Amino acid sequence: MLKWTVIFLIVAIIAGVLGFGGVAAGAAGIAKILFFVFLVLFVISLISGRVRG
């Protein structure tokens, strides 16, 4: 999932440089959502790992 976040971030940066505002905003929004989903899943896995010992 982190791979997709990085891909959408790169697409957003390239689109922003080339002047495609709508595409850049969409890709950046998707990258943000995927990043936060990845972060939540990471925290949940850390907590479950600590509980199991």
PDB file of N, CA and C in Angstrom:
ATOM      1  N   MET A   1       0.830  -1.185   0.000  1.00  0.00           N
ATOM      2  CA  MET A   1       0.000   0.000   0.000  1.00  0.00           C
ATOM      3  C   MET A   1       0.877   1.252   0.000  1.00  0.00           C
ATOM      4  N   LEU A   2       1.993   1.187   0.667  1.00  0.00           N
ATOM      5  CA  LEU A   2       2.909   2.327   0.663  1.00  0.00           C
ATOM      6  C   LEU A   2       3.438   2.587  -0.742  1.00  0.00           C
ATOM      7  N   LYS A   3       3.576   1.529  -1.523  1.00  0.00           N
ATOM      8  CA  LYS A   3       4.029   1.666  -2.909  1.00  0.00           C
ATOM      9  C   LYS A   3       3.056   2.533  -3.712  1.00  0.00           C
ATOM     10  N   TRP A   4       1.757   2.305  -3.534  1.00  0.00           N
ATOM     11  CA  TRP A   4       0.757   3.095  -4.253  1.00  0.00           C
ATOM     12  C   TRP A   4       0.769   4.552  -3.806  1.00  0.00           C
ATOM     13  N   THR A   5       1.010   4.785  -2.516  1.00  0.00           N
ATOM     14  CA  THR A   5       1.098   6.155  -2.012  1.00  0.00           C
ATOM     15  C   THR A   5       2.239   6.897  -2.695  1.00  0.00           C
ATOM     16  N   VAL A   6       3.388   6.247  -2.804  1.00  0.00           N
ATOM     17  CA  VAL A   6       4.538   6.871  -3.451  1.00  0.00           C
ATOM     18  C   VAL A   6       4.268   7.106  -4.937  1.00  0.00           C
ATOM     19  N   ILE A   7       3.608   6.154  -5.593  1.00  0.00           N
ATOM     20  CA  ILE A   7       3.293   6.319  -7.011  1.00  0.00           C
ATOM     21  C   ILE A   7       2.387   7.523  -7.229  1.00  0.00           C
ATOM     22  N   PHE A   8       1.318   7.636  -6.434  1.00  0.00           N
ATOM     23  CA  PHE A   8       0.411   8.768  -6.593  1.00  0.00           C
ATOM     24  C   PHE A   8       1.075  10.086  -6.219  1.00  0.00           C
ATOM     25  N   LEU A   9       2.005  10.054  -5.263  1.00  0.00           N
ATOM     26  CA  LEU A   9       2.739  11.267  -4.913  1.00  0.00           C
ATOM     27  C   LEU A   9       3.613  11.712  -6.079  1.00  0.00           C
ATOM     28  N   ILE A  10       4.285  10.784  -6.724  1.00  0.00           N
ATOM     29  CA  ILE A  10       5.123  11.125  -7.884  1.00  0.00           C
ATOM     30  C   ILE A  10       4.270  11.637  -9.031  1.00  0.00           C
ATOM     31  N   VAL A  11       3.110  11.010  -9.268  1.00  0.00           N
ATOM     32  CA  VAL A  11       2.201  11.481 -10.314  1.00  0.00           C
ATOM     33  C   VAL A  11       1.737  12.905 -10.013  1.00  0.00           C
ATOM     34  N   ALA A  12       1.438  13.185  -8.754  1.00  0.00           N
ATOM     35  CA  ALA A  12       1.004  14.530  -8.368  1.00  0.00           C
ATOM     36  C   ALA A  12       2.109  15.554  -8.587  1.00  0.00           C
ATOM     37  N   ILE A  13       3.330  15.208  -8.255  1.00  0.00           N
ATOM     38  CA  ILE A  13       4.445  16.139  -8.429  1.00  0.00           C
ATOM     39  C   ILE A  13       4.689  16.413  -9.911  1.00  0.00           C
ATOM     40  N   ILE A  14       4.694  15.352 -10.723  1.00  0.00           N
ATOM     41  CA  ILE A  14       4.915  15.530 -12.158  1.00  0.00           C
ATOM     42  C   ILE A  14       3.788  16.343 -12.786  1.00  0.00           C
ATOM     43  N   ALA A  15       2.540  16.038 -12.424  1.00  0.00           N
ATOM     44  CA  ALA A  15       1.403  16.773 -12.972  1.00  0.00           C
ATOM     45  C   ALA A  15       1.434  18.234 -12.528  1.00  0.00           C
ATOM     46  N   GLY A  16       1.856  18.473 -11.294  1.00  0.00           N
ATOM     47  CA  GLY A  16       1.955  19.850 -10.814  1.00  0.00           C
ATOM     48  C   GLY A  16       3.010  20.642 -11.563  1.00  0.00           C
ATOM     49  N   VAL A  17       4.137  19.999 -11.857  1.00  0.00           N
ATOM     50  CA  VAL A  17       5.206  20.668 -12.597  1.00  0.00           C
ATOM     51  C   VAL A  17       4.765  20.976 -14.023  1.00  0.00           C
ATOM     52  N   LEU A  18       4.016  20.047 -14.627  1.00  0.00           N
ATOM     53  CA  LEU A  18       3.575  20.241 -16.004  1.00  0.00           C
ATOM     54  C   LEU A  18       2.340  21.138 -16.114  1.00  0.00           C
ATOM     55  N   GLY A  19       1.727  21.473 -14.994  1.00  0.00           N
ATOM     56  CA  GLY A  19       0.619  22.413 -15.010  1.00  0.00           C
ATOM     57  C   GLY A  19      -0.767  21.799 -15.079  1.00  0.00           C
ATOM     58  N   PHE A  20      -0.874  20.520 -14.834  1.00  0.00           N
ATOM     59  CA  PHE A  20      -2.192  19.874 -14.813  1.00  0.00           C
ATOM     60  C   PHE A  20      -2.738  19.935 -13.383  1.00  0.00           C
ATOM     61  N   GLY A  21      -3.395  21.036 -13.052  1.00  0.00           N
ATOM     62  CA  GLY A  21      -3.849  21.264 -11.682  1.00  0.00           C
ATOM     63  C   GLY A  21      -4.841  20.241 -11.185  1.00  0.00           C
ATOM     64  N   GLY A  22      -5.829  19.887 -12.008  1.00  0.00           N
ATOM     65  CA  GLY A  22      -6.844  18.931 -11.579  1.00  0.00           C
ATOM     66  C   GLY A  22      -6.281  17.542 -11.339  1.00  0.00           C
ATOM     67  N   VAL A  23      -5.413  17.110 -12.241  1.00  0.00           N
ATOM     68  CA  VAL A  23      -4.793  15.789 -12.096  1.00  0.00           C
ATOM     69  C   VAL A  23      -3.888  15.770 -10.868  1.00  0.00           C
ATOM     70  N   ALA A  24      -3.144  16.845 -10.665  1.00  0.00           N
ATOM     71  CA  ALA A  24      -2.238  16.909  -9.514  1.00  0.00           C
ATOM     72  C   ALA A  24      -3.014  16.884  -8.210  1.00  0.00           C
ATOM     73  N   ALA A  25      -4.112  17.614  -8.158  1.00  0.00           N
ATOM     74  CA  ALA A  25      -4.917  17.639  -6.935  1.00  0.00           C
ATOM     75  C   ALA A  25      -5.535  16.270  -6.663  1.00  0.00           C
ATOM     76  N   GLY A  26      -6.018  15.617  -7.712  1.00  0.00           N
ATOM     77  CA  GLY A  26      -6.603  14.291  -7.534  1.00  0.00           C
ATOM     78  C   GLY A  26      -5.587  13.269  -7.073  1.00  0.00           C
ATOM     79  N   ALA A  27      -4.423  13.264  -7.690  1.00  0.00           N
ATOM     80  CA  ALA A  27      -3.382  12.307  -7.306  1.00  0.00           C
ATOM     81  C   ALA A  27      -2.867  12.596  -5.894  1.00  0.00           C
ATOM     82  N   ALA A  28      -2.755  13.861  -5.549  1.00  0.00           N
ATOM     83  CA  ALA A  28      -2.299  14.205  -4.198  1.00  0.00           C
ATOM     84  C   ALA A  28      -3.335  13.789  -3.162  1.00  0.00           C
ATOM     85  N   GLY A  29      -4.596  13.955  -3.483  1.00  0.00           N
ATOM     86  CA  GLY A  29      -5.650  13.526  -2.561  1.00  0.00           C
ATOM     87  C   GLY A  29      -5.638  12.025  -2.341  1.00  0.00           C
ATOM     88  N   ILE A  30      -5.477  11.269  -3.417  1.00  0.00           N
ATOM     89  CA  ILE A  30      -5.407   9.809  -3.302  1.00  0.00           C
ATOM     90  C   ILE A  30      -4.177   9.402  -2.501  1.00  0.00           C
ATOM     91  N   ALA A  31      -3.050  10.064  -2.747  1.00  0.00           N
ATOM     92  CA  ALA A  31      -1.824   9.743  -2.007  1.00  0.00           C
ATOM     93  C   ALA A  31      -1.997  10.011  -0.518  1.00  0.00           C
ATOM     94  N   LYS A  32      -2.680  11.104  -0.171  1.00  0.00           N
ATOM     95  CA  LYS A  32      -2.923  11.416   1.244  1.00  0.00           C
ATOM     96  C   LYS A  32      -3.788  10.348   1.898  1.00  0.00           C
ATOM     97  N   ILE A  33      -4.862   9.968   1.222  1.00  0.00           N
ATOM     98  CA  ILE A  33      -5.768   8.961   1.778  1.00  0.00           C
ATOM     99  C   ILE A  33      -5.039   7.643   1.981  1.00  0.00           C
ATOM    100  N   LEU A  34      -4.298   7.202   0.968  1.00  0.00           N
ATOM    101  CA  LEU A  34      -3.566   5.941   1.088  1.00  0.00           C
ATOM    102  C   LEU A  34      -2.506   6.002   2.180  1.00  0.00           C
ATOM    103  N   PHE A  35      -1.870   7.161   2.342  1.00  0.00           N
ATOM    104  CA  PHE A  35      -0.861   7.303   3.391  1.00  0.00           C
ATOM    105  C   PHE A  35      -1.487   7.140   4.768  1.00  0.00           C
ATOM    106  N   PHE A  36      -2.637   7.778   4.986  1.00  0.00           N
ATOM    107  CA  PHE A  36      -3.267   7.684   6.300  1.00  0.00           C
ATOM    108  C   PHE A  36      -3.816   6.279   6.563  1.00  0.00           C
ATOM    109  N   VAL A  37      -4.316   5.614   5.534  1.00  0.00           N
ATOM    110  CA  VAL A  37      -4.756   4.229   5.700  1.00  0.00           C
ATOM    111  C   VAL A  37      -3.564   3.352   6.060  1.00  0.00           C
ATOM    112  N   PHE A  38      -2.439   3.542   5.363  1.00  0.00           N
ATOM    113  CA  PHE A  38      -1.228   2.782   5.668  1.00  0.00           C
ATOM    114  C   PHE A  38      -0.769   3.055   7.099  1.00  0.00           C
ATOM    115  N   LEU A  39      -0.821   4.309   7.514  1.00  0.00           N
ATOM    116  CA  LEU A  39      -0.394   4.679   8.867  1.00  0.00           C
ATOM    117  C   LEU A  39      -1.267   4.015   9.923  1.00  0.00           C
ATOM    118  N   VAL A  40      -2.571   4.008   9.727  1.00  0.00           N
ATOM    119  CA  VAL A  40      -3.482   3.378  10.678  1.00  0.00           C
ATOM    120  C   VAL A  40      -3.227   1.871  10.739  1.00  0.00           C
ATOM    121  N   LEU A  41      -3.061   1.236   9.589  1.00  0.00           N
ATOM    122  CA  LEU A  41      -2.783  -0.199   9.587  1.00  0.00           C
ATOM    123  C   LEU A  41      -1.446  -0.515  10.256  1.00  0.00           C
ATOM    124  N   PHE A  42      -0.467   0.350  10.084  1.00  0.00           N
ATOM    125  CA  PHE A  42       0.836   0.163  10.727  1.00  0.00           C
ATOM    126  C   PHE A  42       0.709   0.243  12.245  1.00  0.00           C
ATOM    127  N   VAL A  43      -0.033   1.229  12.736  1.00  0.00           N
ATOM    128  CA  VAL A  43      -0.220   1.379  14.183  1.00  0.00           C
ATOM    129  C   VAL A  43      -0.983   0.185  14.750  1.00  0.00           C
ATOM    130  N   ILE A  44      -2.003  -0.270  14.032  1.00  0.00           N
ATOM    131  CA  ILE A  44      -2.761  -1.434  14.495  1.00  0.00           C
ATOM    132  C   ILE A  44      -1.867  -2.666  14.555  1.00  0.00           C
ATOM    133  N   SER A  45      -1.004  -2.851  13.561  1.00  0.00           N
ATOM    134  CA  SER A  45      -0.112  -4.010  13.594  1.00  0.00           C
ATOM    135  C   SER A  45       0.910  -3.898  14.704  1.00  0.00           C
ATOM    136  N   LEU A  46       1.368  -2.701  15.008  1.00  0.00           N
ATOM    137  CA  LEU A  46       2.293  -2.523  16.129  1.00  0.00           C
ATOM    138  C   LEU A  46       1.605  -2.889  17.459  1.00  0.00           C
ATOM    139  N   ILE A  47       0.393  -2.409  17.640  1.00  0.00           N
ATOM    140  CA  ILE A  47      -0.338  -2.695  18.883  1.00  0.00           C
ATOM    141  C   ILE A  47      -0.627  -4.171  19.008  1.00  0.00           C
ATOM    142  N   SER A  48      -1.067  -4.823  17.940  1.00  0.00           N
ATOM    143  CA  SER A  48      -1.358  -6.250  18.010  1.00  0.00           C
ATOM    144  C   SER A  48      -0.087  -7.061  18.237  1.00  0.00           C
ATOM    145  N   GLY A  49       1.031  -6.608  17.722  1.00  0.00           N
ATOM    146  CA  GLY A  49       2.300  -7.285  17.968  1.00  0.00           C
ATOM    147  C   GLY A  49       2.742  -7.185  19.408  1.00  0.00           C
ATOM    148  N   ARG A  50       2.482  -6.032  20.020  1.00  0.00           N
ATOM    149  CA  ARG A  50       2.840  -5.866  21.440  1.00  0.00           C
ATOM    150  C   ARG A  50       1.955  -6.696  22.338  1.00  0.00           C
ATOM    151  N   VAL A  51       0.678  -6.818  21.980  1.00  0.00           N
ATOM    152  CA  VAL A  51      -0.267  -7.580  22.809  1.00  0.00           C
ATOM    153  C   VAL A  51       0.071  -9.065  22.777  1.00  0.00           C
ATOM    154  N   ARG A  52       0.443  -9.556  21.598  1.00  0.00           N
ATOM    155  CA  ARG A  52       0.773 -10.972  21.469  1.00  0.00           C
ATOM    156  C   ARG A  52       2.086 -11.333  22.174  1.00  0.00           C
ATOM    157  N   GLY A  53       2.955 -10.348  22.299  1.00  0.00           N
ATOM    158  CA  GLY A  53       4.196 -10.591  23.014  1.00  0.00           C
ATOM    159  C   GLY A  53       5.272 -11.030  22.115  1.00  0.00           C
TER     160      GLY A  53
END
